[in-house]
Full PDB file with SEQRES, HELIX, SHEET, SSBOND, CRYST1, ORIGX, SCALE, CONECT and MASTER records, all heavy atoms in Angstrom:
SEQRES   1 A   41  HIS MET LYS LEU ASP PHE GLY ALA ILE GLY LYS GLY PHE          
SEQRES   2 A   41  ALA LEU ASP LYS ALA LEU ASN ILE LEU ARG ALA ALA ASP          
SEQRES   3 A   41  VAL SER ARG ALA LEU ILE ASN PHE GLY GLY GLN ILE SER          
SEQRES   4 A   41  ALA TYR                                                      
HELIX    1 AA1 GLY A   10  ALA A   24  1                                  15    
SHEET    1 AA1 2 LEU A  31  PHE A  34  0                                        
SHEET    2 AA1 2 GLN A  37  ALA A  40 -1                                        
CRYST1    1.000    1.000    1.000  90.00  90.00  90.00 P 1           1          
ORIGX1      1.000000  0.000000  0.000000        0.00000                         
ORIGX2      0.000000  1.000000  0.000000        0.00000                         
ORIGX3      0.000000  0.000000  1.000000        0.00000                         
SCALE1      1.000000  0.000000  0.000000        0.00000                         
SCALE2      0.000000  1.000000  0.000000        0.00000                         
SCALE3      0.000000  0.000000  1.000000        0.00000                         
ATOM      1  N   HIS A   1     -56.382  37.645 -16.003  1.00  0.00           N  
ATOM      2  CA  HIS A   1     -56.636  39.024 -15.567  1.00  0.00           C  
ATOM      3  C   HIS A   1     -56.016  39.303 -14.199  1.00  0.00           C  
ATOM      4  O   HIS A   1     -56.575  40.042 -13.395  1.00  0.00           O  
ATOM      5  CB  HIS A   1     -58.139  39.305 -15.536  1.00  0.00           C  
ATOM      6  CG  HIS A   1     -58.817  39.116 -16.852  1.00  0.00           C  
ATOM      7  ND1 HIS A   1     -58.517  39.882 -17.956  1.00  0.00           N  
ATOM      8  CD2 HIS A   1     -59.751  38.211 -17.245  1.00  0.00           C  
ATOM      9  CE1 HIS A   1     -59.262  39.479 -18.983  1.00  0.00           C  
ATOM     10  NE2 HIS A   1     -60.002  38.463 -18.578  1.00  0.00           N  
ATOM     11  N   MET A   2     -54.856  38.724 -13.960  1.00  0.00           N  
ATOM     12  CA  MET A   2     -54.170  38.966 -12.696  1.00  0.00           C  
ATOM     13  C   MET A   2     -53.593  40.376 -12.644  1.00  0.00           C  
ATOM     14  O   MET A   2     -53.269  40.954 -13.681  1.00  0.00           O  
ATOM     15  CB  MET A   2     -53.057  37.942 -12.479  1.00  0.00           C  
ATOM     16  CG  MET A   2     -53.520  36.518 -12.324  1.00  0.00           C  
ATOM     17  SD  MET A   2     -52.208  35.429 -11.701  1.00  0.00           S  
ATOM     18  CE  MET A   2     -52.171  35.903  -9.974  1.00  0.00           C  
ATOM     19  N   LYS A   3     -53.451  40.879 -11.419  1.00  0.00           N  
ATOM     20  CA  LYS A   3     -52.832  42.192 -11.220  1.00  0.00           C  
ATOM     21  C   LYS A   3     -52.088  42.205  -9.886  1.00  0.00           C  
ATOM     22  O   LYS A   3     -52.605  41.733  -8.874  1.00  0.00           O  
ATOM     23  CB  LYS A   3     -53.881  43.308 -11.219  1.00  0.00           C  
ATOM     24  CG  LYS A   3     -54.382  43.708 -12.594  1.00  0.00           C  
ATOM     25  CD  LYS A   3     -55.233  44.956 -12.494  1.00  0.00           C  
ATOM     26  CE  LYS A   3     -55.658  45.450 -13.863  1.00  0.00           C  
ATOM     27  NZ  LYS A   3     -56.453  46.701 -13.761  1.00  0.00           N  
ATOM     28  N   LEU A   4     -50.912  42.781  -9.925  1.00  0.00           N  
ATOM     29  CA  LEU A   4     -50.147  42.992  -8.698  1.00  0.00           C  
ATOM     30  C   LEU A   4     -50.588  44.293  -8.040  1.00  0.00           C  
ATOM     31  O   LEU A   4     -50.988  45.247  -8.720  1.00  0.00           O  
ATOM     32  CB  LEU A   4     -48.654  43.065  -9.005  1.00  0.00           C  
ATOM     33  CG  LEU A   4     -48.048  41.883  -9.761  1.00  0.00           C  
ATOM     34  CD1 LEU A   4     -46.607  42.197 -10.142  1.00  0.00           C  
ATOM     35  CD2 LEU A   4     -48.132  40.612  -8.926  1.00  0.00           C  
ATOM     36  N   ASP A   5     -50.499  44.327  -6.729  1.00  0.00           N  
ATOM     37  CA  ASP A   5     -50.748  45.563  -5.990  1.00  0.00           C  
ATOM     38  C   ASP A   5     -49.815  45.586  -4.783  1.00  0.00           C  
ATOM     39  O   ASP A   5     -49.883  44.709  -3.928  1.00  0.00           O  
ATOM     40  CB  ASP A   5     -52.205  45.655  -5.537  1.00  0.00           C  
ATOM     41  CG  ASP A   5     -52.524  47.015  -4.940  1.00  0.00           C  
ATOM     42  OD1 ASP A   5     -52.044  47.287  -3.817  1.00  0.00           O  
ATOM     43  OD2 ASP A   5     -53.239  47.803  -5.577  1.00  0.00           O  
ATOM     44  N   PHE A   6     -48.934  46.583  -4.740  1.00  0.00           N  
ATOM     45  CA  PHE A   6     -47.944  46.684  -3.668  1.00  0.00           C  
ATOM     46  C   PHE A   6     -48.376  47.629  -2.554  1.00  0.00           C  
ATOM     47  O   PHE A   6     -47.542  48.098  -1.781  1.00  0.00           O  
ATOM     48  CB  PHE A   6     -46.604  47.135  -4.238  1.00  0.00           C  
ATOM     49  CG  PHE A   6     -45.943  46.104  -5.115  1.00  0.00           C  
ATOM     50  CD1 PHE A   6     -45.828  46.293  -6.481  1.00  0.00           C  
ATOM     51  CD2 PHE A   6     -45.442  44.938  -4.567  1.00  0.00           C  
ATOM     52  CE1 PHE A   6     -45.212  45.346  -7.287  1.00  0.00           C  
ATOM     53  CE2 PHE A   6     -44.823  43.978  -5.358  1.00  0.00           C  
ATOM     54  CZ  PHE A   6     -44.708  44.182  -6.720  1.00  0.00           C  
ATOM     55  N   GLY A   7     -49.683  47.903  -2.464  1.00  0.00           N  
ATOM     56  CA  GLY A   7     -50.167  48.848  -1.464  1.00  0.00           C  
ATOM     57  C   GLY A   7     -49.886  48.443  -0.033  1.00  0.00           C  
ATOM     58  O   GLY A   7     -49.851  49.298   0.854  1.00  0.00           O  
ATOM     59  N   ALA A   8     -49.678  47.143   0.218  1.00  0.00           N  
ATOM     60  CA  ALA A   8     -49.450  46.677   1.584  1.00  0.00           C  
ATOM     61  C   ALA A   8     -47.994  46.355   1.875  1.00  0.00           C  
ATOM     62  O   ALA A   8     -47.690  45.817   2.942  1.00  0.00           O  
ATOM     63  CB  ALA A   8     -50.316  45.444   1.856  1.00  0.00           C  
ATOM     64  N   ILE A   9     -47.093  46.684   0.951  1.00  0.00           N  
ATOM     65  CA  ILE A   9     -45.672  46.402   1.185  1.00  0.00           C  
ATOM     66  C   ILE A   9     -44.753  47.432   0.531  1.00  0.00           C  
ATOM     67  O   ILE A   9     -43.618  47.605   0.959  1.00  0.00           O  
ATOM     68  CB  ILE A   9     -45.307  44.984   0.687  1.00  0.00           C  
ATOM     69  CG1 ILE A   9     -43.941  44.558   1.229  1.00  0.00           C  
ATOM     70  CG2 ILE A   9     -45.375  44.888  -0.842  1.00  0.00           C  
ATOM     71  CD1 ILE A   9     -43.602  43.095   0.970  1.00  0.00           C  
ATOM     72  N   GLY A  10     -45.232  48.131  -0.472  1.00  0.00           N  
ATOM     73  CA  GLY A  10     -44.371  49.045  -1.229  1.00  0.00           C  
ATOM     74  C   GLY A  10     -43.802  50.186  -0.408  1.00  0.00           C  
ATOM     75  O   GLY A  10     -42.633  50.559  -0.549  1.00  0.00           O  
ATOM     76  N   LYS A  11     -44.621  50.741   0.490  1.00  0.00           N  
ATOM     77  CA  LYS A  11     -44.137  51.853   1.303  1.00  0.00           C  
ATOM     78  C   LYS A  11     -43.037  51.383   2.253  1.00  0.00           C  
ATOM     79  O   LYS A  11     -42.030  52.066   2.448  1.00  0.00           O  
ATOM     80  CB  LYS A  11     -45.302  52.477   2.073  1.00  0.00           C  
ATOM     81  CG  LYS A  11     -44.972  53.813   2.688  1.00  0.00           C  
ATOM     82  CD  LYS A  11     -46.229  54.621   2.996  1.00  0.00           C  
ATOM     83  CE  LYS A  11     -47.043  53.995   4.085  1.00  0.00           C  
ATOM     84  NZ  LYS A  11     -48.155  54.884   4.512  1.00  0.00           N  
ATOM     85  N   GLY A  12     -43.222  50.190   2.836  1.00  0.00           N  
ATOM     86  CA  GLY A  12     -42.190  49.655   3.708  1.00  0.00           C  
ATOM     87  C   GLY A  12     -40.904  49.363   2.971  1.00  0.00           C  
ATOM     88  O   GLY A  12     -39.806  49.613   3.479  1.00  0.00           O  
ATOM     89  N   PHE A  13     -41.021  48.825   1.762  1.00  0.00           N  
ATOM     90  CA  PHE A  13     -39.850  48.554   0.928  1.00  0.00           C  
ATOM     91  C   PHE A  13     -39.096  49.850   0.647  1.00  0.00           C  
ATOM     92  O   PHE A  13     -37.857  49.907   0.742  1.00  0.00           O  
ATOM     93  CB  PHE A  13     -40.302  47.904  -0.375  1.00  0.00           C  
ATOM     94  CG  PHE A  13     -39.196  47.484  -1.301  1.00  0.00           C  
ATOM     95  CD1 PHE A  13     -38.424  46.373  -1.024  1.00  0.00           C  
ATOM     96  CD2 PHE A  13     -38.943  48.190  -2.470  1.00  0.00           C  
ATOM     97  CE1 PHE A  13     -37.394  45.976  -1.891  1.00  0.00           C  
ATOM     98  CE2 PHE A  13     -37.930  47.805  -3.338  1.00  0.00           C  
ATOM     99  CZ  PHE A  13     -37.160  46.694  -3.040  1.00  0.00           C  
ATOM    100  N   ALA A  14     -39.831  50.908   0.322  1.00  0.00           N  
ATOM    101  CA  ALA A  14     -39.206  52.204   0.056  1.00  0.00           C  
ATOM    102  C   ALA A  14     -38.546  52.767   1.308  1.00  0.00           C  
ATOM    103  O   ALA A  14     -37.474  53.388   1.235  1.00  0.00           O  
ATOM    104  CB  ALA A  14     -40.253  53.179  -0.488  1.00  0.00           C  
ATOM    105  N   LEU A  15     -39.161  52.550   2.466  1.00  0.00           N  
ATOM    106  CA  LEU A  15     -38.566  53.006   3.717  1.00  0.00           C  
ATOM    107  C   LEU A  15     -37.212  52.348   3.963  1.00  0.00           C  
ATOM    108  O   LEU A  15     -36.254  53.010   4.362  1.00  0.00           O  
ATOM    109  CB  LEU A  15     -39.499  52.688   4.882  1.00  0.00           C  
ATOM    110  CG  LEU A  15     -40.556  53.725   5.245  1.00  0.00           C  
ATOM    111  CD1 LEU A  15     -41.530  53.147   6.271  1.00  0.00           C  
ATOM    112  CD2 LEU A  15     -39.917  54.999   5.780  1.00  0.00           C  
ATOM    113  N   ASP A  16     -37.134  51.044   3.738  1.00  0.00           N  
ATOM    114  CA  ASP A  16     -35.862  50.342   3.926  1.00  0.00           C  
ATOM    115  C   ASP A  16     -34.778  50.919   3.024  1.00  0.00           C  
ATOM    116  O   ASP A  16     -33.642  51.139   3.454  1.00  0.00           O  
ATOM    117  CB  ASP A  16     -36.036  48.847   3.626  1.00  0.00           C  
ATOM    118  CG  ASP A  16     -36.790  48.114   4.722  1.00  0.00           C  
ATOM    119  OD1 ASP A  16     -36.687  48.514   5.888  1.00  0.00           O  
ATOM    120  OD2 ASP A  16     -37.490  47.138   4.394  1.00  0.00           O  
ATOM    121  N   LYS A  17     -35.111  51.170   1.777  1.00  0.00           N  
ATOM    122  CA  LYS A  17     -34.131  51.695   0.823  1.00  0.00           C  
ATOM    123  C   LYS A  17     -33.699  53.119   1.203  1.00  0.00           C  
ATOM    124  O   LYS A  17     -32.511  53.466   1.105  1.00  0.00           O  
ATOM    125  CB  LYS A  17     -34.720  51.686  -0.588  1.00  0.00           C  
ATOM    126  CG  LYS A  17     -35.075  50.309  -1.127  1.00  0.00           C  
ATOM    127  CD  LYS A  17     -33.843  49.471  -1.388  1.00  0.00           C  
ATOM    128  CE  LYS A  17     -34.196  48.159  -2.068  1.00  0.00           C  
ATOM    129  NZ  LYS A  17     -33.002  47.322  -2.352  1.00  0.00           N  
ATOM    130  N   ALA A  18     -34.653  53.939   1.631  1.00  0.00           N  
ATOM    131  CA  ALA A  18     -34.332  55.321   2.003  1.00  0.00           C  
ATOM    132  C   ALA A  18     -33.462  55.364   3.254  1.00  0.00           C  
ATOM    133  O   ALA A  18     -32.496  56.138   3.334  1.00  0.00           O  
ATOM    134  CB  ALA A  18     -35.624  56.105   2.225  1.00  0.00           C  
ATOM    135  N   LEU A  19     -33.782  54.522   4.239  1.00  0.00           N  
ATOM    136  CA  LEU A  19     -32.987  54.510   5.458  1.00  0.00           C  
ATOM    137  C   LEU A  19     -31.575  53.996   5.198  1.00  0.00           C  
ATOM    138  O   LEU A  19     -30.609  54.459   5.820  1.00  0.00           O  
ATOM    139  CB  LEU A  19     -33.672  53.647   6.517  1.00  0.00           C  
ATOM    140  CG  LEU A  19     -33.168  53.834   7.954  1.00  0.00           C  
ATOM    141  CD1 LEU A  19     -33.463  55.239   8.449  1.00  0.00           C  
ATOM    142  CD2 LEU A  19     -33.789  52.807   8.889  1.00  0.00           C  
ATOM    143  N   ASN A  20     -31.428  53.073   4.251  1.00  0.00           N  
ATOM    144  CA  ASN A  20     -30.101  52.562   3.895  1.00  0.00           C  
ATOM    145  C   ASN A  20     -29.189  53.683   3.385  1.00  0.00           C  
ATOM    146  O   ASN A  20     -27.980  53.675   3.631  1.00  0.00           O  
ATOM    147  CB  ASN A  20     -30.210  51.469   2.843  1.00  0.00           C  
ATOM    148  CG  ASN A  20     -30.709  50.157   3.426  1.00  0.00           C  
ATOM    149  OD1 ASN A  20     -30.686  49.959   4.639  1.00  0.00           O  
ATOM    150  ND2 ASN A  20     -31.173  49.274   2.566  1.00  0.00           N  
ATOM    151  N   ILE A  21     -29.759  54.637   2.662  1.00  0.00           N  
ATOM    152  CA  ILE A  21     -28.972  55.762   2.156  1.00  0.00           C  
ATOM    153  C   ILE A  21     -28.439  56.596   3.319  1.00  0.00           C  
ATOM    154  O   ILE A  21     -27.266  57.003   3.332  1.00  0.00           O  
ATOM    155  CB  ILE A  21     -29.827  56.623   1.195  1.00  0.00           C  
ATOM    156  CG1 ILE A  21     -30.087  55.859  -0.105  1.00  0.00           C  
ATOM    157  CG2 ILE A  21     -29.150  57.962   0.921  1.00  0.00           C  
ATOM    158  CD1 ILE A  21     -30.991  56.574  -1.072  1.00  0.00           C  
ATOM    159  N   LEU A  22     -29.282  56.844   4.312  1.00  0.00           N  
ATOM    160  CA  LEU A  22     -28.853  57.637   5.472  1.00  0.00           C  
ATOM    161  C   LEU A  22     -27.794  56.895   6.275  1.00  0.00           C  
ATOM    162  O   LEU A  22     -26.806  57.488   6.721  1.00  0.00           O  
ATOM    163  CB  LEU A  22     -30.062  57.958   6.346  1.00  0.00           C  
ATOM    164  CG  LEU A  22     -31.179  58.779   5.689  1.00  0.00           C  
ATOM    165  CD1 LEU A  22     -32.336  58.973   6.652  1.00  0.00           C  
ATOM    166  CD2 LEU A  22     -30.653  60.124   5.204  1.00  0.00           C  
ATOM    167  N   ARG A  23     -27.986  55.591   6.460  1.00  0.00           N  
ATOM    168  CA  ARG A  23     -27.007  54.818   7.228  1.00  0.00           C  
ATOM    169  C   ARG A  23     -25.663  54.750   6.507  1.00  0.00           C  
ATOM    170  O   ARG A  23     -24.603  54.813   7.138  1.00  0.00           O  
ATOM    171  CB  ARG A  23     -27.537  53.411   7.478  1.00  0.00           C  
ATOM    172  CG  ARG A  23     -28.776  53.360   8.342  1.00  0.00           C  
ATOM    173  CD  ARG A  23     -29.209  51.936   8.626  1.00  0.00           C  
ATOM    174  NE  ARG A  23     -28.289  51.297   9.542  1.00  0.00           N  
ATOM    175  CZ  ARG A  23     -28.659  50.626  10.629  1.00  0.00           C  
ATOM    176  NH1 ARG A  23     -29.937  50.518  10.935  1.00  0.00           N  
ATOM    177  NH2 ARG A  23     -27.770  50.054  11.399  1.00  0.00           N  
ATOM    178  N   ALA A  24     -25.703  54.615   5.188  1.00  0.00           N  
ATOM    179  CA  ALA A  24     -24.459  54.540   4.410  1.00  0.00           C  
ATOM    180  C   ALA A  24     -23.666  55.839   4.486  1.00  0.00           C  
ATOM    181  O   ALA A  24     -22.447  55.834   4.301  1.00  0.00           O  
ATOM    182  CB  ALA A  24     -24.775  54.194   2.960  1.00  0.00           C  
ATOM    183  N   ALA A  25     -24.352  56.933   4.767  1.00  0.00           N  
ATOM    184  CA  ALA A  25     -23.685  58.232   4.881  1.00  0.00           C  
ATOM    185  C   ALA A  25     -23.212  58.515   6.307  1.00  0.00           C  
ATOM    186  O   ALA A  25     -22.789  59.631   6.615  1.00  0.00           O  
ATOM    187  CB  ALA A  25     -24.628  59.335   4.416  1.00  0.00           C  
ATOM    188  N   ASP A  26     -23.306  57.479   7.180  1.00  0.00           N  
ATOM    189  CA  ASP A  26     -22.826  57.596   8.566  1.00  0.00           C  
ATOM    190  C   ASP A  26     -23.617  58.591   9.402  1.00  0.00           C  
ATOM    191  O   ASP A  26     -23.079  59.200  10.340  1.00  0.00           O  
ATOM    192  CB  ASP A  26     -21.346  57.956   8.600  1.00  0.00           C  
ATOM    193  CG  ASP A  26     -20.468  56.843   8.044  1.00  0.00           C  
ATOM    194  OD1 ASP A  26     -20.835  55.666   8.221  1.00  0.00           O  
ATOM    195  OD2 ASP A  26     -19.435  57.156   7.427  1.00  0.00           O  
ATOM    196  N   VAL A  27     -24.899  58.747   9.077  1.00  0.00           N  
ATOM    197  CA  VAL A  27     -25.775  59.506   9.968  1.00  0.00           C  
ATOM    198  C   VAL A  27     -25.978  58.664  11.226  1.00  0.00           C  
ATOM    199  O   VAL A  27     -26.306  57.484  11.146  1.00  0.00           O  
ATOM    200  CB  VAL A  27     -27.125  59.800   9.286  1.00  0.00           C  
ATOM    201  CG1 VAL A  27     -28.099  60.416  10.277  1.00  0.00           C  
ATOM    202  CG2 VAL A  27     -26.919  60.738   8.105  1.00  0.00           C  
ATOM    203  N   SER A  28     -25.745  59.241  12.394  1.00  0.00           N  
ATOM    204  CA  SER A  28     -25.746  58.453  13.626  1.00  0.00           C  
ATOM    205  C   SER A  28     -27.148  58.106  14.114  1.00  0.00           C  
ATOM    206  O   SER A  28     -27.332  57.134  14.850  1.00  0.00           O  
ATOM    207  CB  SER A  28     -24.995  59.206  14.725  1.00  0.00           C  
ATOM    208  OG  SER A  28     -25.647  60.432  15.023  1.00  0.00           O  
ATOM    209  N   ARG A  29     -28.126  58.881  13.703  1.00  0.00           N  
ATOM    210  CA  ARG A  29     -29.481  58.694  14.202  1.00  0.00           C  
ATOM    211  C   ARG A  29     -30.451  59.230  13.173  1.00  0.00           C  
ATOM    212  O   ARG A  29     -30.275  60.342  12.671  1.00  0.00           O  
ATOM    213  CB  ARG A  29     -29.647  59.473  15.513  1.00  0.00           C  
ATOM    214  CG  ARG A  29     -30.364  58.779  16.613  1.00  0.00           C  
ATOM    215  CD  ARG A  29     -30.216  59.539  17.917  1.00  0.00           C  
ATOM    216  NE  ARG A  29     -31.458  59.488  18.662  1.00  0.00           N  
ATOM    217  CZ  ARG A  29     -32.343  60.461  18.700  1.00  0.00           C  
ATOM    218  NH1 ARG A  29     -32.104  61.601  18.075  1.00  0.00           N  
ATOM    219  NH2 ARG A  29     -33.464  60.331  19.378  1.00  0.00           N  
ATOM    220  N   ALA A  30     -31.460  58.438  12.829  1.00  0.00           N  
ATOM    221  CA  ALA A  30     -32.411  58.892  11.821  1.00  0.00           C  
ATOM    222  C   ALA A  30     -33.774  58.275  12.069  1.00  0.00           C  
ATOM    223  O   ALA A  30     -33.894  57.165  12.600  1.00  0.00           O  
ATOM    224  CB  ALA A  30     -31.926  58.519  10.419  1.00  0.00           C  
ATOM    225  N   LEU A  31     -34.791  59.017  11.697  1.00  0.00           N  
ATOM    226  CA  LEU A  31     -36.165  58.527  11.787  1.00  0.00           C  
ATOM    227  C   LEU A  31     -36.940  59.011  10.577  1.00  0.00           C  
ATOM    228  O   LEU A  31     -36.849  60.171  10.170  1.00  0.00           O  
ATOM    229  CB  LEU A  31     -36.835  59.014  13.066  1.00  0.00           C  
ATOM    230  CG  LEU A  31     -38.259  58.495  13.299  1.00  0.00           C  
ATOM    231  CD1 LEU A  31     -38.481  58.173  14.775  1.00  0.00           C  
ATOM    232  CD2 LEU A  31     -39.298  59.520  12.830  1.00  0.00           C  
ATOM    233  N   ILE A  32     -37.721  58.093   9.982  1.00  0.00           N  
ATOM    234  CA  ILE A  32     -38.595  58.436   8.864  1.00  0.00           C  
ATOM    235  C   ILE A  32     -40.024  58.086   9.265  1.00  0.00           C  
ATOM    236  O   ILE A  32     -40.321  56.949   9.624  1.00  0.00           O  
ATOM    237  CB  ILE A  32     -38.221  57.679   7.581  1.00  0.00           C  
ATOM    238  CG1 ILE A  32     -36.740  57.854   7.248  1.00  0.00           C  
ATOM    239  CG2 ILE A  32     -39.083  58.165   6.418  1.00  0.00           C  
ATOM    240  CD1 ILE A  32     -36.275  57.062   6.036  1.00  0.00           C  
ATOM    241  N   ASN A  33     -40.892  59.075   9.206  1.00  0.00           N  
ATOM    242  CA  ASN A  33     -42.327  58.878   9.442  1.00  0.00           C  
ATOM    243  C   ASN A  33     -43.019  58.998   8.090  1.00  0.00           C  
ATOM    244  O   ASN A  33     -43.153  60.077   7.538  1.00  0.00           O  
ATOM    245  CB  ASN A  33     -42.852  59.937  10.419  1.00  0.00           C  
ATOM    246  CG  ASN A  33     -44.350  59.790  10.663  1.00  0.00           C  
ATOM    247  OD1 ASN A  33     -44.994  58.863  10.175  1.00  0.00           O  
ATOM    248  ND2 ASN A  33     -44.891  60.714  11.434  1.00  0.00           N  
ATOM    249  N   PHE A  34     -43.449  57.870   7.555  1.00  0.00           N  
ATOM    250  CA  PHE A  34     -44.003  57.825   6.204  1.00  0.00           C  
ATOM    251  C   PHE A  34     -45.492  57.513   6.283  1.00  0.00           C  
ATOM    252  O   PHE A  34     -45.910  56.370   6.263  1.00  0.00           O  
ATOM    253  CB  PHE A  34     -43.272  56.752   5.393  1.00  0.00           C  
ATOM    254  CG  PHE A  34     -43.434  56.880   3.894  1.00  0.00           C  
ATOM    255  CD1 PHE A  34     -44.170  57.902   3.320  1.00  0.00           C  
ATOM    256  CD2 PHE A  34     -42.836  55.962   3.048  1.00  0.00           C  
ATOM    257  CE1 PHE A  34     -44.304  58.022   1.950  1.00  0.00           C  
ATOM    258  CE2 PHE A  34     -42.959  56.060   1.668  1.00  0.00           C  
ATOM    259  CZ  PHE A  34     -43.695  57.094   1.128  1.00  0.00           C  
ATOM    260  N   GLY A  35     -46.284  58.561   6.430  1.00  0.00           N  
ATOM    261  CA  GLY A  35     -47.720  58.382   6.498  1.00  0.00           C  
ATOM    262  C   GLY A  35     -48.147  57.533   7.676  1.00  0.00           C  
ATOM    263  O   GLY A  35     -49.174  56.859   7.623  1.00  0.00           O  
ATOM    264  N   GLY A  36     -47.387  57.546   8.764  1.00  0.00           N  
ATOM    265  CA  GLY A  36     -47.739  56.772   9.944  1.00  0.00           C  
ATOM    266  C   GLY A  36     -46.919  55.520  10.128  1.00  0.00           C  
ATOM    267  O   GLY A  36     -46.897  54.964  11.219  1.00  0.00           O  
ATOM    268  N   GLN A  37     -46.243  55.032   9.084  1.00  0.00           N  
ATOM    269  CA  GLN A  37     -45.312  53.927   9.301  1.00  0.00           C  
ATOM    270  C   GLN A  37     -43.952  54.517   9.629  1.00  0.00           C  
ATOM    271  O   GLN A  37     -43.486  55.458   8.980  1.00  0.00           O  
ATOM    272  CB  GLN A  37     -45.194  53.006   8.094  1.00  0.00           C  
ATOM    273  CG  GLN A  37     -44.244  51.832   8.368  1.00  0.00           C  
ATOM    274  CD  GLN A  37     -44.226  50.778   7.298  1.00  0.00           C  
ATOM    275  OE1 GLN A  37     -44.990  50.815   6.359  1.00  0.00           O  
ATOM    276  NE2 GLN A  37     -43.329  49.816   7.431  1.00  0.00           N  
ATOM    277  N   ILE A  38     -43.318  53.945  10.651  1.00  0.00           N  
ATOM    278  CA  ILE A  38     -42.078  54.492  11.171  1.00  0.00           C  
ATOM    279  C   ILE A  38     -40.915  53.568  10.859  1.00  0.00           C  
ATOM    280  O   ILE A  38     -41.019  52.346  10.987  1.00  0.00           O  
ATOM    281  CB  ILE A  38     -42.156  54.655  12.704  1.00  0.00           C  
ATOM    282  CG1 ILE A  38     -43.389  55.469  13.110  1.00  0.00           C  
ATOM    283  CG2 ILE A  38     -40.883  55.286  13.252  1.00  0.00           C  
ATOM    284  CD1 ILE A  38     -43.432  56.858  12.559  1.00  0.00           C  
ATOM    285  N   SER A  39     -39.802  54.152  10.438  1.00  0.00           N  
ATOM    286  CA  SER A  39     -38.552  53.415  10.297  1.00  0.00           C  
ATOM    287  C   SER A  39     -37.459  54.258  10.942  1.00  0.00           C  
ATOM    288  O   SER A  39     -37.381  55.467  10.690  1.00  0.00           O  
ATOM    289  CB  SER A  39     -38.229  53.152   8.825  1.00  0.00           C  
ATOM    290  OG  SER A  39     -37.103  52.322   8.692  1.00  0.00           O  
ATOM    291  N   ALA A  40     -36.638  53.622  11.781  1.00  0.00           N  
ATOM    292  CA  ALA A  40     -35.682  54.412  12.551  1.00  0.00           C  
ATOM    293  C   ALA A  40     -34.453  53.602  12.920  1.00  0.00           C  
ATOM    294  O   ALA A  40     -34.458  52.381  12.885  1.00  0.00           O  
ATOM    295  CB  ALA A  40     -36.348  54.937  13.826  1.00  0.00           C  
ATOM    296  N   TYR A  41     -33.410  54.311  13.264  1.00  0.00           N  
ATOM    297  CA  TYR A  41     -32.260  53.674  13.892  1.00  0.00           C  
ATOM    298  C   TYR A  41     -31.504  54.712  14.718  1.00  0.00           C  
ATOM    299  O   TYR A  41     -31.596  55.921  14.488  1.00  0.00           O  
ATOM    300  CB  TYR A  41     -31.336  53.007  12.871  1.00  0.00           C  
ATOM    301  CG  TYR A  41     -30.349  53.937  12.205  1.00  0.00           C  
ATOM    302  CD1 TYR A  41     -29.058  54.090  12.702  1.00  0.00           C  
ATOM    303  CD2 TYR A  41     -30.707  54.665  11.072  1.00  0.00           C  
ATOM    304  CE1 TYR A  41     -28.155  54.946  12.092  1.00  0.00           C  
ATOM    305  CE2 TYR A  41     -29.812  55.510  10.461  1.00  0.00           C  
ATOM    306  CZ  TYR A  41     -28.542  55.657  10.967  1.00  0.00           C  
ATOM    307  OH  TYR A  41     -27.656  56.508  10.365  1.00  0.00           O  
TER     308      TYR A  41                                                      
MASTER        0    0    0    1    2    0    0    6  307    1    0    4          
END                                                                             
């Protein structure tokens, strides 16, 4: 009866993927605030 739960890592994983899209498009500066978790460059 095992179950996976990505509640403690899934949002961060999605942030990395979303920021990669912006960086690949040569955006010079970007910030994502995802429910209080921040990813930026």
